[in-house]
Amino acid sequence: MPCSDFEAELRILEAATHGILLSQKGKYRAVQHGKAVLIIYDDANISVVKTVETIFFSGFWKKKKRR
């Protein structure tokens, strides 16, 4: 169901603040919240969301046991 621009901004803000930090390099960081991954640029206490990507993770990788 489509949502308003205001509701979309609130969802992005929630994902940026409550998400899991995946990577941080320089002024860029990648944050995951559910199926969304946000690329965030931080500069002078201002955070700008550059891109929002959707991932489809099907499960965990299985390691082969050593014998």
N, C-alpha and C. Protein backbone atom coordinates (compact mmCIF):
# COMPACT_ATOMS: atom_id res chain seq x y z
N MET A 1 0.84 -1.17 0.00
CA MET A 1 0.00 0.00 0.00
C MET A 1 0.89 1.24 0.00
N PRO A 2 0.70 2.16 -0.91
CA PRO A 2 1.51 3.38 -0.96
C PRO A 2 1.29 4.24 0.28
N CYS A 3 2.34 4.94 0.67
CA CYS A 3 2.22 5.83 1.83
C CYS A 3 2.60 7.24 1.41
N SER A 4 2.28 8.18 2.28
CA SER A 4 2.58 9.58 1.98
C SER A 4 4.09 9.83 2.10
N ASP A 5 4.53 10.96 1.57
CA ASP A 5 5.95 11.32 1.66
C ASP A 5 6.38 11.47 3.11
N PHE A 6 5.51 12.03 3.94
CA PHE A 6 5.82 12.22 5.35
C PHE A 6 6.02 10.88 6.06
N GLU A 7 5.13 9.93 5.78
CA GLU A 7 5.23 8.61 6.39
C GLU A 7 6.49 7.89 5.90
N ALA A 8 6.83 8.06 4.64
CA ALA A 8 8.05 7.45 4.10
C ALA A 8 9.29 8.01 4.78
N GLU A 9 9.32 9.32 5.01
CA GLU A 9 10.45 9.94 5.70
C GLU A 9 10.55 9.44 7.14
N LEU A 10 9.42 9.25 7.80
CA LEU A 10 9.44 8.71 9.16
C LEU A 10 9.97 7.29 9.20
N ARG A 11 9.61 6.49 8.21
CA ARG A 11 10.11 5.11 8.15
C ARG A 11 11.61 5.08 7.90
N ILE A 12 12.10 5.97 7.04
CA ILE A 12 13.54 6.04 6.78
C ILE A 12 14.28 6.49 8.02
N LEU A 13 13.73 7.46 8.75
CA LEU A 13 14.35 7.94 9.98
C LEU A 13 14.40 6.84 11.03
N GLU A 14 13.32 6.07 11.15
CA GLU A 14 13.29 4.96 12.10
C GLU A 14 14.34 3.91 11.73
N ALA A 15 14.45 3.59 10.45
CA ALA A 15 15.43 2.60 10.01
C ALA A 15 16.85 3.08 10.26
N ALA A 16 17.10 4.36 10.06
CA ALA A 16 18.45 4.90 10.26
C ALA A 16 18.84 4.91 11.73
N THR A 17 17.87 5.11 12.63
CA THR A 17 18.20 5.20 14.05
C THR A 17 18.16 3.85 14.76
N HIS A 18 17.32 2.92 14.31
CA HIS A 18 17.17 1.64 15.00
C HIS A 18 17.79 0.48 14.23
N GLY A 19 18.43 0.74 13.12
CA GLY A 19 19.00 -0.32 12.31
C GLY A 19 20.32 -0.84 12.85
N ILE A 20 20.82 -1.89 12.22
CA ILE A 20 22.09 -2.52 12.59
C ILE A 20 23.18 -1.96 11.70
N LEU A 21 24.26 -1.49 12.31
CA LEU A 21 25.39 -0.95 11.55
C LEU A 21 26.13 -2.10 10.88
N LEU A 22 26.16 -2.11 9.56
CA LEU A 22 26.85 -3.16 8.82
C LEU A 22 28.29 -2.79 8.54
N SER A 23 28.52 -1.54 8.16
CA SER A 23 29.85 -1.11 7.76
C SER A 23 29.96 0.40 7.93
N GLN A 24 31.18 0.85 8.20
CA GLN A 24 31.43 2.28 8.29
C GLN A 24 32.81 2.55 7.71
N LYS A 25 32.87 3.46 6.74
CA LYS A 25 34.13 3.79 6.10
C LYS A 25 34.14 5.29 5.83
N GLY A 26 34.99 6.00 6.54
CA GLY A 26 35.04 7.45 6.38
C GLY A 26 33.75 8.08 6.85
N LYS A 27 33.15 8.87 6.00
CA LYS A 27 31.90 9.55 6.34
C LYS A 27 30.67 8.76 5.92
N TYR A 28 30.86 7.58 5.34
CA TYR A 28 29.74 6.75 4.89
C TYR A 28 29.53 5.59 5.86
N ARG A 29 28.26 5.20 6.04
CA ARG A 29 27.95 4.01 6.83
C ARG A 29 26.76 3.30 6.20
N ALA A 30 26.74 2.00 6.36
CA ALA A 30 25.64 1.18 5.85
C ALA A 30 24.87 0.64 7.05
N VAL A 31 23.56 0.85 7.04
CA VAL A 31 22.70 0.43 8.14
C VAL A 31 21.60 -0.46 7.58
N GLN A 32 21.37 -1.60 8.25
CA GLN A 32 20.30 -2.51 7.83
C GLN A 32 19.16 -2.46 8.83
N HIS A 33 17.94 -2.38 8.30
CA HIS A 33 16.72 -2.43 9.13
C HIS A 33 15.72 -3.28 8.36
N GLY A 34 15.51 -4.49 8.81
CA GLY A 34 14.63 -5.41 8.08
C GLY A 34 15.26 -5.78 6.75
N LYS A 35 14.52 -5.61 5.66
CA LYS A 35 15.04 -5.92 4.33
C LYS A 35 15.69 -4.71 3.68
N ALA A 36 15.69 -3.57 4.35
CA ALA A 36 16.25 -2.35 3.76
C ALA A 36 17.67 -2.11 4.25
N VAL A 37 18.53 -1.69 3.33
CA VAL A 37 19.89 -1.26 3.66
C VAL A 37 20.02 0.19 3.23
N LEU A 38 20.39 1.05 4.17
CA LEU A 38 20.52 2.48 3.91
C LEU A 38 22.00 2.85 3.85
N ILE A 39 22.39 3.60 2.84
CA ILE A 39 23.74 4.16 2.76
C ILE A 39 23.61 5.61 3.23
N ILE A 40 24.28 5.93 4.34
CA ILE A 40 24.12 7.23 4.98
C ILE A 40 25.45 7.97 4.95
N TYR A 41 25.41 9.25 4.59
CA TYR A 41 26.57 10.13 4.55
C TYR A 41 26.48 11.09 5.72
N ASP A 42 27.49 11.09 6.59
CA ASP A 42 27.52 11.97 7.77
C ASP A 42 28.54 13.08 7.54
N ASP A 43 28.11 14.32 7.71
CA ASP A 43 29.02 15.45 7.58
C ASP A 43 28.55 16.58 8.48
N ALA A 44 29.40 17.01 9.39
CA ALA A 44 29.12 18.15 10.29
C ALA A 44 27.79 17.97 11.03
N ASN A 45 27.61 16.81 11.66
CA ASN A 45 26.41 16.50 12.44
C ASN A 45 25.13 16.49 11.62
N ILE A 46 25.24 16.36 10.31
CA ILE A 46 24.07 16.24 9.43
C ILE A 46 24.19 14.91 8.70
N SER A 47 23.15 14.09 8.81
CA SER A 47 23.13 12.79 8.14
C SER A 47 22.21 12.87 6.94
N VAL A 48 22.71 12.41 5.81
CA VAL A 48 21.94 12.41 4.57
C VAL A 48 21.86 10.97 4.07
N VAL A 49 20.64 10.47 3.86
CA VAL A 49 20.46 9.13 3.31
C VAL A 49 20.66 9.21 1.81
N LYS A 50 21.70 8.54 1.32
CA LYS A 50 22.02 8.59 -0.11
C LYS A 50 21.17 7.60 -0.91
N THR A 51 21.15 6.34 -0.47
CA THR A 51 20.38 5.33 -1.20
C THR A 51 19.69 4.40 -0.21
N VAL A 52 18.61 3.80 -0.66
CA VAL A 52 17.91 2.76 0.10
C VAL A 52 17.80 1.56 -0.82
N GLU A 53 18.37 0.45 -0.40
CA GLU A 53 18.34 -0.77 -1.20
C GLU A 53 17.53 -1.83 -0.46
N THR A 54 16.90 -2.71 -1.19
CA THR A 54 16.16 -3.83 -0.61
C THR A 54 16.95 -5.10 -0.87
N ILE A 55 17.12 -5.91 0.18
CA ILE A 55 17.84 -7.17 0.03
C ILE A 55 16.89 -8.32 0.32
N PHE A 56 17.15 -9.44 -0.29
CA PHE A 56 16.38 -10.65 -0.05
C PHE A 56 17.36 -11.70 0.43
N PHE A 57 17.36 -11.94 1.74
CA PHE A 57 18.29 -12.88 2.36
C PHE A 57 17.53 -14.16 2.64
N SER A 58 17.97 -15.26 2.04
CA SER A 58 17.21 -16.50 2.13
C SER A 58 17.60 -17.38 3.31
N GLY A 59 18.71 -17.11 3.97
CA GLY A 59 19.10 -17.96 5.09
C GLY A 59 20.58 -17.82 5.40
N PHE A 60 21.06 -18.70 6.21
CA PHE A 60 22.46 -18.67 6.62
C PHE A 60 23.28 -19.65 5.79
N TRP A 61 24.53 -19.32 5.61
CA TRP A 61 25.43 -20.21 4.89
C TRP A 61 25.80 -21.36 5.80
N LYS A 62 25.90 -22.54 5.24
CA LYS A 62 26.26 -23.72 6.03
C LYS A 62 27.74 -24.02 5.80
N LYS A 63 28.47 -24.13 6.90
CA LYS A 63 29.89 -24.48 6.81
C LYS A 63 30.02 -25.99 6.70
N LYS A 64 31.03 -26.41 5.95
CA LYS A 64 31.33 -27.84 5.90
C LYS A 64 32.13 -28.20 7.14
N LYS A 65 31.77 -29.31 7.75
CA LYS A 65 32.48 -29.75 8.95
C LYS A 65 33.80 -30.38 8.56
N ARG A 66 34.83 -30.05 9.32
CA ARG A 66 36.14 -30.68 9.10
C ARG A 66 36.19 -31.98 9.88
N ARG A 67 36.78 -32.98 9.25
CA ARG A 67 36.88 -34.29 9.93
C ARG A 67 38.30 -34.66 10.14
